Amino acid sequence: MRERDAALDQAIREVAAILGDALVRLIFPKPVDFPETESPHVTAG
């Protein structure tokens, strides 16, 4: 098995992040704005 180069691993992570961001932008073309009452973050209390 060949050893992987650290620079190659970093490049793969960067490309994956760019492609992931592009996919999200294609699925959700408009920015999602949650009003304060419809926040996706749930607070316990």
C-alpha atoms as a PDB file:
ATOM      1  CA  MET A   1       0.000   0.000   0.000  1.00  0.00           C
ATOM      2  CA  ARG A   2       1.455   3.395  -0.871  1.00  0.00           C
ATOM      3  CA  GLU A   3       1.696   6.168   1.647  1.00  0.00           C
ATOM      4  CA  ARG A   4      -0.369   9.256   0.991  1.00  0.00           C
ATOM      5  CA  ASP A   5       1.204  12.661   0.719  1.00  0.00           C
ATOM      6  CA  ALA A   6       0.024  15.260   3.270  1.00  0.00           C
ATOM      7  CA  ALA A   7      -0.278  17.910   0.532  1.00  0.00           C
ATOM      8  CA  LEU A   8      -2.470  15.587  -1.508  1.00  0.00           C
ATOM      9  CA  ASP A   9      -4.689  14.926   1.502  1.00  0.00           C
ATOM     10  CA  GLN A  10      -5.063  18.685   2.076  1.00  0.00           C
ATOM     11  CA  ALA A  11      -5.888  19.278  -1.596  1.00  0.00           C
ATOM     12  CA  ILE A  12      -8.531  16.546  -1.523  1.00  0.00           C
ATOM     13  CA  ARG A  13     -10.132  18.111   1.576  1.00  0.00           C
ATOM     14  CA  GLU A  14     -10.167  21.555  -0.060  1.00  0.00           C
ATOM     15  CA  VAL A  15     -11.718  20.261  -3.290  1.00  0.00           C
ATOM     16  CA  ALA A  16     -14.327  18.323  -1.300  1.00  0.00           C
ATOM     17  CA  ALA A  17     -15.228  21.477   0.636  1.00  0.00           C
ATOM     18  CA  ILE A  18     -15.576  23.496  -2.574  1.00  0.00           C
ATOM     19  CA  LEU A  19     -17.738  20.829  -4.216  1.00  0.00           C
ATOM     20  CA  GLY A  20     -19.876  20.516  -1.077  1.00  0.00           C
ATOM     21  CA  ASP A  21     -20.427  24.273  -1.008  1.00  0.00           C
ATOM     22  CA  ALA A  22     -21.345  24.270  -4.702  1.00  0.00           C
ATOM     23  CA  LEU A  23     -23.838  21.444  -4.137  1.00  0.00           C
ATOM     24  CA  VAL A  24     -25.527  23.319  -1.292  1.00  0.00           C
ATOM     25  CA  ARG A  25     -25.746  26.441  -3.468  1.00  0.00           C
ATOM     26  CA  LEU A  26     -27.375  24.417  -6.251  1.00  0.00           C
ATOM     27  CA  ILE A  27     -29.905  22.847  -3.908  1.00  0.00           C
ATOM     28  CA  PHE A  28     -30.655  26.093  -2.045  1.00  0.00           C
ATOM     29  CA  PRO A  29     -30.109  28.909  -4.572  1.00  0.00           C
ATOM     30  CA  LYS A  30     -31.466  31.599  -2.231  1.00  0.00           C
ATOM     31  CA  PRO A  31     -29.983  32.203   1.198  1.00  0.00           C
ATOM     32  CA  VAL A  32     -32.061  30.606   3.910  1.00  0.00           C
ATOM     33  CA  ASP A  33     -33.194  33.185   6.453  1.00  0.00           C
ATOM     34  CA  PHE A  34     -34.855  31.875   9.592  1.00  0.00           C
ATOM     35  CA  PRO A  35     -36.959  34.359  11.547  1.00  0.00           C
ATOM     36  CA  GLU A  36     -36.183  34.421  15.262  1.00  0.00           C
ATOM     37  CA  THR A  37     -39.250  32.289  16.047  1.00  0.00           C
ATOM     38  CA  GLU A  38     -38.348  29.625  13.442  1.00  0.00           C
ATOM     39  CA  SER A  39     -34.692  29.183  14.286  1.00  0.00           C
ATOM     40  CA  PRO A  40     -33.313  25.706  13.550  1.00  0.00           C
ATOM     41  CA  HIS A  41     -31.353  25.916  16.807  1.00  0.00           C
ATOM     42  CA  VAL A  42     -33.263  24.484  19.724  1.00  0.00           C
ATOM     43  CA  THR A  43     -32.518  25.808  23.164  1.00  0.00           C
ATOM     44  CA  ALA A  44     -33.396  23.784  26.198  1.00  0.00           C
ATOM     45  CA  GLY A  45     -34.981  25.659  29.016  1.00  0.00           C
END
